[in-house]
Amino acid sequence: MRRFVNLVVAHPIRALLLVVWLCAVAVQQNAVSLITDYGLFTVLGIIGAIFANATGAGGGVVFVPFFNYLAFDATSIVATSFAIQCCGMTAGAITWWRYKQHNHPSDPEWHPVVSGLGLTLPFSALGLFFAQFGPQYFSLLAWLQGGVAELHIGFGIFSIFLAVAIFASIPLMGNKSYHYRFTRLDTLCLPVIGFVGGIITAWLSVGVGELVAVYLIIRGFNITMAIATAVILSALSVWCAIIYHITITEAVIWPVVLFAGAGAIMGGMIAKYVVLAFSPQKLKIFFGAWVLVLGVAGLPVF
C-alpha cells in the first residue's frame, strides 16, 4: 500500500486522476449507497488489471465470468468489460512503454514492440469494426453478432484454447537467445492474427492481446517484450471497441466502471512489478491453470 501511495503522490497526473475520481464519487446523489453497493468492484478491477497487464491477457478474462455470475446481460458484460479495460489496460500500457523507454531504449530484443503494433493494431481495429458495425449494414454478416448471444460458451471455448496455448509455450521459456526481427512469415501471420483477434475481442472483450502474446512467445521472442506488446495492443484495441458501446448499445454499467475502473488503474501500475518479481514460467503456469478452470466452468455442462 505504501508503494502505491508513493506511486500516486510522486506523479502529478496520478494525483490529479485520484482527485477527479474522488470528485466524481462525491457529486453523486447517493454517494454513500453507491460506495456500499459498488465499492468492492475496486478489488475486482485491481485483480483483473494485474492479471491482464502481467500476462498479456485482457482483463475480460476476470470480468466476463464474474459479471456472468452476477447475471448481467451479455451485451452489458462485454460493454462494461471494455470500459474497465480502457482504464486498466491504458495504465498498464503507459507503464510498460515507460519501462521500455527507460530500461531497454536500444535493446534489439525490444525493437519488435513498435513494428509488432504496426502489423497488428490496424487489423485489430478493422476486425473490431467489422464485427461490431458490419452486421448493421450487411445482412450476410449477421452471424458475427452470435458471439455475444452465446457469450458464456464462447468465453469457455476461447479460455480453454488460450490455456492450452500457454501451456504449450512454457517449454520455450528456457530459451535465453530471443529473436528480435520479424521474418516474412511473421509479417504475414501477425496481421491475420490481429484481424481474427479483433473479431474475437468484439465478441468476448478479450482475444487479440492473448493471441499476439502467445504467438510471439511461441516464435521465440523475448517473453517480457511479448507481454508488453500485447498489453499496449489490447489498450489501443479496447479504446476502438468502446466507441460502439457508447454510441450504439449504450450498455455500459457506469457505476461498476467508476469503481472497477479505478481499481484497474491501480492494477495496471502494479502489474509490471509482478512480472519483474516472478519468473515468466511461474506466472504462465499459474495463469494458464486459472484460465483453464474458468474456461471449463464457462461451458454449459456446469
C-alpha atoms as a PDB file:
ATOM      1  CA  MET A   1       0.000   0.000   0.000  1.00  0.00           C
ATOM      2  CA  ARG A   2       2.824   2.411   0.855  1.00  0.00           C
ATOM      3  CA  ARG A   3       4.396   1.685  -2.540  1.00  0.00           C
ATOM      4  CA  PHE A   4       1.128   2.522  -4.290  1.00  0.00           C
ATOM      5  CA  VAL A   5       0.718   5.773  -2.318  1.00  0.00           C
ATOM      6  CA  ASN A   6       4.243   6.780  -3.304  1.00  0.00           C
ATOM      7  CA  LEU A   7       3.460   5.994  -6.945  1.00  0.00           C
ATOM      8  CA  VAL A   8       0.431   8.292  -6.810  1.00  0.00           C
ATOM      9  CA  VAL A   9       1.946  11.184  -4.857  1.00  0.00           C
ATOM     10  CA  ALA A  10       5.201  11.189  -6.838  1.00  0.00           C
ATOM     11  CA  HIS A  11       3.402  11.701 -10.128  1.00  0.00           C
ATOM     12  CA  PRO A  12       1.133  14.751 -10.563  1.00  0.00           C
ATOM     13  CA  ILE A  13      -1.021  13.119 -13.238  1.00  0.00           C
ATOM     14  CA  ARG A  14      -1.804  10.205 -10.941  1.00  0.00           C
ATOM     15  CA  ALA A  15      -2.623  12.607  -8.131  1.00  0.00           C
ATOM     16  CA  LEU A  16      -4.912  14.551 -10.490  1.00  0.00           C
ATOM     17  CA  LEU A  17      -6.707  11.353 -11.517  1.00  0.00           C
ATOM     18  CA  LEU A  18      -7.255  10.499  -7.862  1.00  0.00           C
ATOM     19  CA  VAL A  19      -8.741  13.946  -7.184  1.00  0.00           C
ATOM     20  CA  VAL A  20     -11.002  13.680 -10.263  1.00  0.00           C
ATOM     21  CA  TRP A  21     -12.206  10.248  -9.163  1.00  0.00           C
ATOM     22  CA  LEU A  22     -12.940  11.430  -5.621  1.00  0.00           C
ATOM     23  CA  CYS A  23     -14.882  14.385  -7.011  1.00  0.00           C
ATOM     24  CA  ALA A  24     -16.827  12.078  -9.365  1.00  0.00           C
ATOM     25  CA  VAL A  25     -17.884   9.942  -6.417  1.00  0.00           C
ATOM     26  CA  ALA A  26     -18.646  12.918  -4.165  1.00  0.00           C
ATOM     27  CA  VAL A  27     -21.020  14.607  -6.654  1.00  0.00           C
ATOM     28  CA  GLN A  28     -23.239  11.539  -6.922  1.00  0.00           C
ATOM     29  CA  GLN A  29     -26.666  11.934  -5.334  1.00  0.00           C
ATOM     30  CA  ASN A  30     -26.345   8.813  -3.212  1.00  0.00           C
ATOM     31  CA  ALA A  31     -22.584   8.663  -2.766  1.00  0.00           C
ATOM     32  CA  VAL A  32     -22.688   6.574   0.402  1.00  0.00           C
ATOM     33  CA  SER A  33     -25.016   3.921  -1.026  1.00  0.00           C
ATOM     34  CA  LEU A  34     -23.020   3.975  -4.266  1.00  0.00           C
ATOM     35  CA  ILE A  35     -19.840   3.147  -2.344  1.00  0.00           C
ATOM     36  CA  THR A  36     -21.663   0.462  -0.356  1.00  0.00           C
ATOM     37  CA  ASP A  37     -23.166  -1.176  -3.446  1.00  0.00           C
ATOM     38  CA  TYR A  38     -20.235  -0.903  -5.841  1.00  0.00           C
ATOM     39  CA  GLY A  39     -17.121  -0.296  -3.728  1.00  0.00           C
ATOM     40  CA  LEU A  40     -15.979  -3.930  -3.831  1.00  0.00           C
ATOM     41  CA  PHE A  41     -15.736  -3.712  -7.623  1.00  0.00           C
ATOM     42  CA  THR A  42     -12.499  -1.810  -6.973  1.00  0.00           C
ATOM     43  CA  VAL A  43     -10.930  -5.073  -5.800  1.00  0.00           C
ATOM     44  CA  LEU A  44     -12.195  -6.801  -8.930  1.00  0.00           C
ATOM     45  CA  GLY A  45     -10.603  -4.091 -11.057  1.00  0.00           C
ATOM     46  CA  ILE A  46      -7.257  -4.444  -9.293  1.00  0.00           C
ATOM     47  CA  ILE A  47      -7.207  -8.231  -9.695  1.00  0.00           C
ATOM     48  CA  GLY A  48      -8.325  -8.121 -13.313  1.00  0.00           C
ATOM     49  CA  ALA A  49      -5.804  -5.473 -14.303  1.00  0.00           C
ATOM     50  CA  ILE A  50      -2.904  -7.214 -12.565  1.00  0.00           C
ATOM     51  CA  PHE A  51      -3.626 -10.426 -14.464  1.00  0.00           C
ATOM     52  CA  ALA A  52      -4.225  -8.530 -17.699  1.00  0.00           C
ATOM     53  CA  ASN A  53      -1.095  -6.414 -17.597  1.00  0.00           C
ATOM     54  CA  ALA A  54       1.163  -9.071 -16.088  1.00  0.00           C
ATOM     55  CA  THR A  55       0.373 -11.789 -18.621  1.00  0.00           C
ATOM     56  CA  GLY A  56      -0.792 -10.016 -21.779  1.00  0.00           C
ATOM     57  CA  ALA A  57      -4.326 -11.367 -21.356  1.00  0.00           C
ATOM     58  CA  GLY A  58      -7.156  -8.838 -21.352  1.00  0.00           C
ATOM     59  CA  GLY A  59      -8.985  -8.066 -18.147  1.00  0.00           C
ATOM     60  CA  GLY A  60     -12.109  -9.624 -19.602  1.00  0.00           C
ATOM     61  CA  VAL A  61     -10.702 -12.987 -18.516  1.00  0.00           C
ATOM     62  CA  VAL A  62     -11.620 -11.865 -14.984  1.00  0.00           C
ATOM     63  CA  PHE A  63     -14.561  -9.558 -15.661  1.00  0.00           C
ATOM     64  CA  VAL A  64     -16.609 -11.728 -18.026  1.00  0.00           C
ATOM     65  CA  PRO A  65     -17.150 -14.740 -15.717  1.00  0.00           C
ATOM     66  CA  PHE A  66     -17.739 -12.504 -12.701  1.00  0.00           C
ATOM     67  CA  PHE A  67     -20.342 -10.356 -14.479  1.00  0.00           C
ATOM     68  CA  ASN A  68     -21.939 -13.501 -15.883  1.00  0.00           C
ATOM     69  CA  TYR A  69     -22.202 -14.814 -12.301  1.00  0.00           C
ATOM     70  CA  LEU A  70     -23.978 -11.560 -11.371  1.00  0.00           C
ATOM     71  CA  ALA A  71     -26.457 -12.238 -14.213  1.00  0.00           C
ATOM     72  CA  PHE A  72     -25.607  -9.148 -16.264  1.00  0.00           C
ATOM     73  CA  ASP A  73     -26.960  -9.421 -19.797  1.00  0.00           C
ATOM     74  CA  ALA A  74     -24.401 -10.411 -22.437  1.00  0.00           C
ATOM     75  CA  THR A  75     -24.114  -7.008 -24.098  1.00  0.00           C
ATOM     76  CA  SER A  76     -23.632  -5.234 -20.766  1.00  0.00           C
ATOM     77  CA  ILE A  77     -20.947  -7.750 -19.818  1.00  0.00           C
ATOM     78  CA  VAL A  78     -18.906  -7.001 -22.921  1.00  0.00           C
ATOM     79  CA  ALA A  79     -19.539  -3.243 -22.877  1.00  0.00           C
ATOM     80  CA  THR A  80     -18.677  -2.842 -19.185  1.00  0.00           C
ATOM     81  CA  SER A  81     -15.600  -5.031 -19.539  1.00  0.00           C
ATOM     82  CA  PHE A  82     -14.379  -2.824 -22.389  1.00  0.00           C
ATOM     83  CA  ALA A  83     -14.930   0.337 -20.351  1.00  0.00           C
ATOM     84  CA  ILE A  84     -12.993  -1.020 -17.364  1.00  0.00           C
ATOM     85  CA  GLN A  85     -10.161  -2.180 -19.616  1.00  0.00           C
ATOM     86  CA  CYS A  86      -9.937   1.318 -21.115  1.00  0.00           C
ATOM     87  CA  CYS A  87      -8.799   2.361 -17.635  1.00  0.00           C
ATOM     88  CA  GLY A  88      -6.647  -0.590 -16.595  1.00  0.00           C
ATOM     89  CA  MET A  89      -5.070  -1.523 -19.910  1.00  0.00           C
ATOM     90  CA  THR A  90      -4.219   2.114 -20.613  1.00  0.00           C
ATOM     91  CA  ALA A  91      -2.472   2.438 -17.237  1.00  0.00           C
ATOM     92  CA  GLY A  92      -0.624  -0.808 -17.937  1.00  0.00           C
ATOM     93  CA  ALA A  93       0.295   0.233 -21.471  1.00  0.00           C
ATOM     94  CA  ILE A  94       1.771   3.532 -20.273  1.00  0.00           C
ATOM     95  CA  THR A  95       3.676   1.721 -17.536  1.00  0.00           C
ATOM     96  CA  TRP A  96       5.097  -0.842 -19.940  1.00  0.00           C
ATOM     97  CA  TRP A  97       6.012   1.800 -22.540  1.00  0.00           C
ATOM     98  CA  ARG A  98       7.838   3.850 -19.919  1.00  0.00           C
ATOM     99  CA  TYR A  99       9.658   0.685 -18.815  1.00  0.00           C
ATOM    100  CA  LYS A 100      10.743   0.031 -22.396  1.00  0.00           C
ATOM    101  CA  GLN A 101      11.924   3.598 -22.914  1.00  0.00           C
ATOM    102  CA  HIS A 102      13.877   3.761 -19.654  1.00  0.00           C
ATOM    103  CA  ASN A 103      15.256   0.225 -19.395  1.00  0.00           C
ATOM    104  CA  HIS A 104      15.524  -1.020 -22.981  1.00  0.00           C
ATOM    105  CA  PRO A 105      15.852   2.047 -25.226  1.00  0.00           C
ATOM    106  CA  SER A 106      18.366   0.403 -27.567  1.00  0.00           C
ATOM    107  CA  ASP A 107      17.831  -3.268 -26.733  1.00  0.00           C
ATOM    108  CA  PRO A 108      17.293  -5.114 -30.054  1.00  0.00           C
ATOM    109  CA  GLU A 109      15.084  -7.666 -28.310  1.00  0.00           C
ATOM    110  CA  TRP A 110      12.578  -4.861 -27.618  1.00  0.00           C
ATOM    111  CA  HIS A 111      12.584  -3.420 -31.136  1.00  0.00           C
ATOM    112  CA  PRO A 112       9.633  -5.604 -32.220  1.00  0.00           C
ATOM    113  CA  VAL A 113       7.269  -3.651 -29.933  1.00  0.00           C
ATOM    114  CA  VAL A 114       6.703  -0.802 -32.390  1.00  0.00           C
ATOM    115  CA  SER A 115       6.811  -2.901 -35.548  1.00  0.00           C
ATOM    116  CA  GLY A 116       4.579  -5.517 -33.925  1.00  0.00           C
ATOM    117  CA  LEU A 117       1.969  -2.880 -33.127  1.00  0.00           C
ATOM    118  CA  GLY A 118       2.202  -1.615 -36.681  1.00  0.00           C
ATOM    119  CA  LEU A 119       1.478  -5.098 -38.014  1.00  0.00           C
ATOM    120  CA  THR A 120      -1.416  -5.850 -35.641  1.00  0.00           C
ATOM    121  CA  LEU A 121      -3.189  -2.703 -34.419  1.00  0.00           C
ATOM    122  CA  PRO A 122      -4.724  -1.538 -37.739  1.00  0.00           C
ATOM    123  CA  PHE A 123      -6.039  -5.040 -38.415  1.00  0.00           C
ATOM    124  CA  SER A 124      -7.288  -5.460 -34.856  1.00  0.00           C
ATOM    125  CA  ALA A 125      -9.300  -2.248 -35.197  1.00  0.00           C
ATOM    126  CA  LEU A 126     -10.563  -3.419 -38.594  1.00  0.00           C
ATOM    127  CA  GLY A 127     -11.670  -6.746 -37.118  1.00  0.00           C
ATOM    128  CA  LEU A 128     -13.425  -4.992 -34.242  1.00  0.00           C
ATOM    129  CA  PHE A 129     -15.340  -2.616 -36.501  1.00  0.00           C
ATOM    130  CA  PHE A 130     -16.087  -5.442 -38.926  1.00  0.00           C
ATOM    131  CA  ALA A 131     -17.727  -7.493 -36.178  1.00  0.00           C
ATOM    132  CA  GLN A 132     -19.463  -4.594 -34.446  1.00  0.00           C
ATOM    133  CA  PHE A 133     -20.727  -2.410 -37.288  1.00  0.00           C
ATOM    134  CA  GLY A 134     -20.713  -4.858 -40.206  1.00  0.00           C
ATOM    135  CA  PRO A 135     -23.999  -6.633 -39.360  1.00  0.00           C
ATOM    136  CA  GLN A 136     -25.827  -3.300 -39.326  1.00  0.00           C
ATOM    137  CA  TYR A 137     -25.022  -2.663 -42.968  1.00  0.00           C
ATOM    138  CA  PHE A 138     -24.650  -6.125 -44.470  1.00  0.00           C
ATOM    139  CA  SER A 139     -27.197  -8.833 -43.662  1.00  0.00           C
ATOM    140  CA  LEU A 140     -24.701 -11.513 -44.698  1.00  0.00           C
ATOM    141  CA  LEU A 141     -22.613 -10.552 -41.673  1.00  0.00           C
ATOM    142  CA  ALA A 142     -25.441 -11.058 -39.160  1.00  0.00           C
ATOM    143  CA  TRP A 143     -23.745 -14.229 -37.919  1.00  0.00           C
ATOM    144  CA  LEU A 144     -20.991 -12.060 -36.426  1.00  0.00           C
ATOM    145  CA  GLN A 145     -23.388 -10.996 -33.673  1.00  0.00           C
ATOM    146  CA  GLY A 146     -23.711 -14.569 -32.489  1.00  0.00           C
ATOM    147  CA  GLY A 147     -20.597 -14.237 -30.353  1.00  0.00           C
ATOM    148  CA  VAL A 148     -22.424 -12.031 -27.876  1.00  0.00           C
ATOM    149  CA  ALA A 149     -25.568 -14.137 -27.705  1.00  0.00           C
ATOM    150  CA  GLU A 150     -23.560 -17.225 -26.694  1.00  0.00           C
ATOM    151  CA  LEU A 151     -21.061 -15.338 -24.573  1.00  0.00           C
ATOM    152  CA  HIS A 152     -20.577 -17.951 -21.850  1.00  0.00           C
ATOM    153  CA  ILE A 153     -19.930 -20.771 -24.346  1.00  0.00           C
ATOM    154  CA  GLY A 154     -17.612 -18.650 -26.479  1.00  0.00           C
ATOM    155  CA  PHE A 155     -15.684 -17.495 -23.457  1.00  0.00           C
ATOM    156  CA  GLY A 156     -15.300 -21.069 -22.195  1.00  0.00           C
ATOM    157  CA  ILE A 157     -14.011 -22.403 -25.507  1.00  0.00           C
ATOM    158  CA  PHE A 158     -11.655 -19.470 -26.035  1.00  0.00           C
ATOM    159  CA  SER A 159     -10.286 -19.711 -22.485  1.00  0.00           C
ATOM    160  CA  ILE A 160      -9.530 -23.424 -22.881  1.00  0.00           C
ATOM    161  CA  PHE A 161      -7.778 -22.757 -26.182  1.00  0.00           C
ATOM    162  CA  LEU A 162      -5.778 -19.944 -24.573  1.00  0.00           C
ATOM    163  CA  ALA A 163      -4.772 -22.138 -21.616  1.00  0.00           C
ATOM    164  CA  VAL A 164      -3.593 -24.942 -23.894  1.00  0.00           C
ATOM    165  CA  ALA A 165      -1.565 -22.457 -25.956  1.00  0.00           C
ATOM    166  CA  ILE A 166       0.021 -21.026 -22.806  1.00  0.00           C
ATOM    167  CA  PHE A 167       0.988 -24.479 -21.522  1.00  0.00           C
ATOM    168  CA  ALA A 168       2.388 -25.356 -24.948  1.00  0.00           C
ATOM    169  CA  SER A 169       4.614 -22.257 -24.848  1.00  0.00           C
ATOM    170  CA  ILE A 170       6.091 -22.971 -21.401  1.00  0.00           C
ATOM    171  CA  PRO A 171       8.888 -25.326 -22.644  1.00  0.00           C
ATOM    172  CA  LEU A 172      10.104 -22.498 -24.887  1.00  0.00           C
ATOM    173  CA  MET A 173      10.668 -20.164 -21.944  1.00  0.00           C
ATOM    174  CA  GLY A 174      14.066 -21.609 -21.098  1.00  0.00           C
ATOM    175  CA  ASN A 175      15.442 -20.104 -24.282  1.00  0.00           C
ATOM    176  CA  LYS A 176      17.945 -17.342 -23.473  1.00  0.00           C
ATOM    177  CA  SER A 177      18.540 -16.288 -27.073  1.00  0.00           C
ATOM    178  CA  TYR A 178      15.495 -14.448 -28.354  1.00  0.00           C
ATOM    179  CA  HIS A 179      14.559 -13.353 -31.854  1.00  0.00           C
ATOM    180  CA  TYR A 180      14.455  -9.631 -32.461  1.00  0.00           C
ATOM    181  CA  ARG A 181      13.394  -9.372 -36.104  1.00  0.00           C
ATOM    182  CA  PHE A 182      10.196 -10.400 -37.801  1.00  0.00           C
ATOM    183  CA  THR A 183      10.511 -12.844 -40.665  1.00  0.00           C
ATOM    184  CA  ARG A 184       8.336 -12.815 -43.759  1.00  0.00           C
ATOM    185  CA  LEU A 185       6.169 -15.440 -42.085  1.00  0.00           C
ATOM    186  CA  ASP A 186       5.626 -13.122 -39.110  1.00  0.00           C
ATOM    187  CA  THR A 187       4.660 -10.207 -41.339  1.00  0.00           C
ATOM    188  CA  LEU A 188       2.021 -12.431 -42.933  1.00  0.00           C
ATOM    189  CA  CYS A 189       0.727 -14.069 -39.744  1.00  0.00           C
ATOM    190  CA  LEU A 190       0.542 -11.086 -37.409  1.00  0.00           C
ATOM    191  CA  PRO A 191      -1.988  -9.055 -39.476  1.00  0.00           C
ATOM    192  CA  VAL A 192      -4.196 -12.147 -39.776  1.00  0.00           C
ATOM    193  CA  ILE A 193      -3.935 -12.769 -36.027  1.00  0.00           C
ATOM    194  CA  GLY A 194      -4.726  -9.107 -35.412  1.00  0.00           C
ATOM    195  CA  PHE A 195      -7.853  -9.225 -37.601  1.00  0.00           C
ATOM    196  CA  VAL A 196      -9.171 -12.510 -36.207  1.00  0.00           C
ATOM    197  CA  GLY A 197      -8.273 -11.402 -32.694  1.00  0.00           C
ATOM    198  CA  GLY A 198     -10.183  -8.168 -33.237  1.00  0.00           C
ATOM    199  CA  ILE A 199     -13.323 -10.107 -34.158  1.00  0.00           C
ATOM    200  CA  ILE A 200     -12.970 -12.359 -31.105  1.00  0.00           C
ATOM    201  CA  THR A 201     -12.379  -9.307 -28.921  1.00  0.00           C
ATOM    202  CA  ALA A 202     -15.587  -7.698 -30.215  1.00  0.00           C
ATOM    203  CA  TRP A 203     -17.486 -10.795 -29.050  1.00  0.00           C
ATOM    204  CA  LEU A 204     -15.777 -11.529 -25.744  1.00  0.00           C
ATOM    205  CA  SER A 205     -13.841  -8.347 -24.786  1.00  0.00           C
ATOM    206  CA  VAL A 206     -10.676 -10.484 -24.828  1.00  0.00           C
ATOM    207  CA  GLY A 207      -8.748 -12.034 -27.663  1.00  0.00           C
ATOM    208  CA  VAL A 208      -6.267 -10.058 -29.692  1.00  0.00           C
ATOM    209  CA  GLY A 209      -3.699  -9.391 -26.955  1.00  0.00           C
ATOM    210  CA  GLU A 210      -3.689 -13.001 -25.841  1.00  0.00           C
ATOM    211  CA  LEU A 211      -3.258 -14.371 -29.352  1.00  0.00           C
ATOM    212  CA  VAL A 212      -0.429 -11.995 -30.218  1.00  0.00           C
ATOM    213  CA  ALA A 213       1.395 -12.651 -26.920  1.00  0.00           C
ATOM    214  CA  VAL A 214       1.203 -16.424 -27.315  1.00  0.00           C
ATOM    215  CA  TYR A 215       2.306 -16.200 -30.962  1.00  0.00           C
ATOM    216  CA  LEU A 216       5.345 -14.070 -30.121  1.00  0.00           C
ATOM    217  CA  ILE A 217       6.353 -16.384 -27.266  1.00  0.00           C
ATOM    218  CA  ILE A 218       5.987 -19.494 -29.405  1.00  0.00           C
ATOM    219  CA  ARG A 219       8.002 -17.830 -32.178  1.00  0.00           C
ATOM    220  CA  GLY A 220      10.880 -17.266 -29.744  1.00  0.00           C
ATOM    221  CA  PHE A 221      10.705 -13.555 -28.969  1.00  0.00           C
ATOM    222  CA  ASN A 222      11.519 -12.034 -25.582  1.00  0.00           C
ATOM    223  CA  ILE A 223       8.708 -13.004 -23.200  1.00  0.00           C
ATOM    224  CA  THR A 224       8.515  -9.721 -21.314  1.00  0.00           C
ATOM    225  CA  MET A 225       8.557  -7.831 -24.603  1.00  0.00           C
ATOM    226  CA  ALA A 226       5.717 -10.038 -25.880  1.00  0.00           C
ATOM    227  CA  ILE A 227       3.645  -9.252 -22.781  1.00  0.00           C
ATOM    228  CA  ALA A 228       4.334  -5.518 -23.113  1.00  0.00           C
ATOM    229  CA  THR A 229       3.357  -5.554 -26.794  1.00  0.00           C
ATOM    230  CA  ALA A 230       0.156  -7.453 -26.033  1.00  0.00           C
ATOM    231  CA  VAL A 231      -0.787  -5.020 -23.258  1.00  0.00           C
ATOM    232  CA  ILE A 232      -0.264  -1.959 -25.445  1.00  0.00           C
ATOM    233  CA  LEU A 233      -2.156  -3.580 -28.325  1.00  0.00           C
ATOM    234  CA  SER A 234      -5.052  -4.514 -26.042  1.00  0.00           C
ATOM    235  CA  ALA A 235      -5.199  -0.998 -24.606  1.00  0.00           C
ATOM    236  CA  LEU A 236      -5.438   0.619 -28.015  1.00  0.00           C
ATOM    237  CA  SER A 237      -7.919  -2.010 -29.223  1.00  0.00           C
ATOM    238  CA  VAL A 238     -10.358  -1.568 -26.335  1.00  0.00           C
ATOM    239  CA  TRP A 239     -10.471   2.174 -26.986  1.00  0.00           C
ATOM    240  CA  CYS A 240     -11.525   1.357 -30.545  1.00  0.00           C
ATOM    241  CA  ALA A 241     -14.092  -1.142 -29.273  1.00  0.00           C
ATOM    242  CA  ILE A 242     -15.771   1.094 -26.673  1.00  0.00           C
ATOM    243  CA  ILE A 243     -16.935   3.531 -29.371  1.00  0.00           C
ATOM    244  CA  TYR A 244     -19.603   1.060 -30.488  1.00  0.00           C
ATOM    245  CA  HIS A 245     -20.941   0.500 -26.988  1.00  0.00           C
ATOM    246  CA  ILE A 246     -21.064   4.193 -26.134  1.00  0.00           C
ATOM    247  CA  THR A 247     -22.778   5.263 -29.348  1.00  0.00           C
ATOM    248  CA  ILE A 248     -24.880   2.228 -30.293  1.00  0.00           C
ATOM    249  CA  THR A 249     -25.634  -0.225 -27.485  1.00  0.00           C
ATOM    250  CA  GLU A 250     -25.322   2.219 -24.543  1.00  0.00           C
ATOM    251  CA  ALA A 251     -24.944  -0.916 -22.398  1.00  0.00           C
ATOM    252  CA  VAL A 252     -22.060   0.186 -20.182  1.00  0.00           C
ATOM    253  CA  ILE A 253     -22.906  -0.053 -16.465  1.00  0.00           C
ATOM    254  CA  TRP A 254     -21.160   3.137 -15.390  1.00  0.00           C
ATOM    255  CA  PRO A 255     -21.341   2.743 -11.562  1.00  0.00           C
ATOM    256  CA  VAL A 256     -19.387  -0.505 -11.935  1.00  0.00           C
ATOM    257  CA  VAL A 257     -16.864   1.222 -14.186  1.00  0.00           C
ATOM    258  CA  LEU A 258     -16.458   4.081 -11.689  1.00  0.00           C
ATOM    259  CA  PHE A 259     -15.071   1.727  -9.046  1.00  0.00           C
ATOM    260  CA  ALA A 260     -13.680  -1.180 -11.054  1.00  0.00           C
ATOM    261  CA  GLY A 261     -12.013   1.285 -13.423  1.00  0.00           C
ATOM    262  CA  ALA A 262     -10.246   2.980 -10.517  1.00  0.00           C
ATOM    263  CA  GLY A 263      -9.065  -0.405  -9.286  1.00  0.00           C
ATOM    264  CA  ALA A 264      -7.947  -1.312 -12.787  1.00  0.00           C
ATOM    265  CA  ILE A 265      -5.734   1.763 -12.956  1.00  0.00           C
ATOM    266  CA  MET A 266      -4.076   0.674  -9.699  1.00  0.00           C
ATOM    267  CA  GLY A 267      -3.624  -2.857 -11.021  1.00  0.00           C
ATOM    268  CA  GLY A 268      -2.233  -1.573 -14.291  1.00  0.00           C
ATOM    269  CA  MET A 269       0.512   0.306 -12.445  1.00  0.00           C
ATOM    270  CA  ILE A 270       1.299  -2.633 -10.147  1.00  0.00           C
ATOM    271  CA  ALA A 271       1.393  -5.375 -12.794  1.00  0.00           C
ATOM    272  CA  LYS A 272       4.862  -4.559 -14.101  1.00  0.00           C
ATOM    273  CA  TYR A 273       6.349  -5.260 -10.689  1.00  0.00           C
ATOM    274  CA  VAL A 274       4.577  -8.619 -10.581  1.00  0.00           C
ATOM    275  CA  VAL A 275       6.162  -9.647 -13.875  1.00  0.00           C
ATOM    276  CA  LEU A 276       9.615  -8.490 -12.820  1.00  0.00           C
ATOM    277  CA  ALA A 277       9.365 -10.126  -9.391  1.00  0.00           C
ATOM    278  CA  PHE A 278       8.430 -13.619 -10.570  1.00  0.00           C
ATOM    279  CA  SER A 279       9.698 -15.840 -13.328  1.00  0.00           C
ATOM    280  CA  PRO A 280       7.638 -15.923 -16.529  1.00  0.00           C
ATOM    281  CA  GLN A 281       7.357 -19.699 -16.160  1.00  0.00           C
ATOM    282  CA  LYS A 282       5.607 -19.451 -12.802  1.00  0.00           C
ATOM    283  CA  LEU A 283       3.349 -16.660 -14.000  1.00  0.00           C
ATOM    284  CA  LYS A 284       2.316 -18.590 -17.089  1.00  0.00           C
ATOM    285  CA  ILE A 285       1.768 -21.865 -15.238  1.00  0.00           C
ATOM    286  CA  PHE A 286      -0.471 -20.205 -12.656  1.00  0.00           C
ATOM    287  CA  PHE A 287      -2.300 -18.089 -15.203  1.00  0.00           C
ATOM    288  CA  GLY A 288      -2.775 -20.974 -17.627  1.00  0.00           C
ATOM    289  CA  ALA A 289      -4.206 -23.223 -14.908  1.00  0.00           C
ATOM    290  CA  TRP A 290      -6.512 -20.497 -13.687  1.00  0.00           C
ATOM    291  CA  VAL A 291      -7.804 -19.650 -17.163  1.00  0.00           C
ATOM    292  CA  LEU A 292      -8.350 -23.345 -17.880  1.00  0.00           C
ATOM    293  CA  VAL A 293     -10.540 -23.677 -14.780  1.00  0.00           C
ATOM    294  CA  LEU A 294     -12.546 -20.596 -15.780  1.00  0.00           C
ATOM    295  CA  GLY A 295     -12.929 -21.903 -19.320  1.00  0.00           C
ATOM    296  CA  VAL A 296     -14.217 -25.296 -18.260  1.00  0.00           C
ATOM    297  CA  ALA A 297     -16.563 -23.658 -15.748  1.00  0.00           C
ATOM    298  CA  GLY A 298     -17.958 -21.469 -18.530  1.00  0.00           C
ATOM    299  CA  LEU A 299     -19.151 -24.420 -20.611  1.00  0.00           C
ATOM    300  CA  PRO A 300     -22.868 -25.326 -20.464  1.00  0.00           C
ATOM    301  CA  VAL A 301     -22.158 -28.648 -18.711  1.00  0.00           C
ATOM    302  CA  PHE A 302     -21.707 -26.675 -15.473  1.00  0.00           C
END
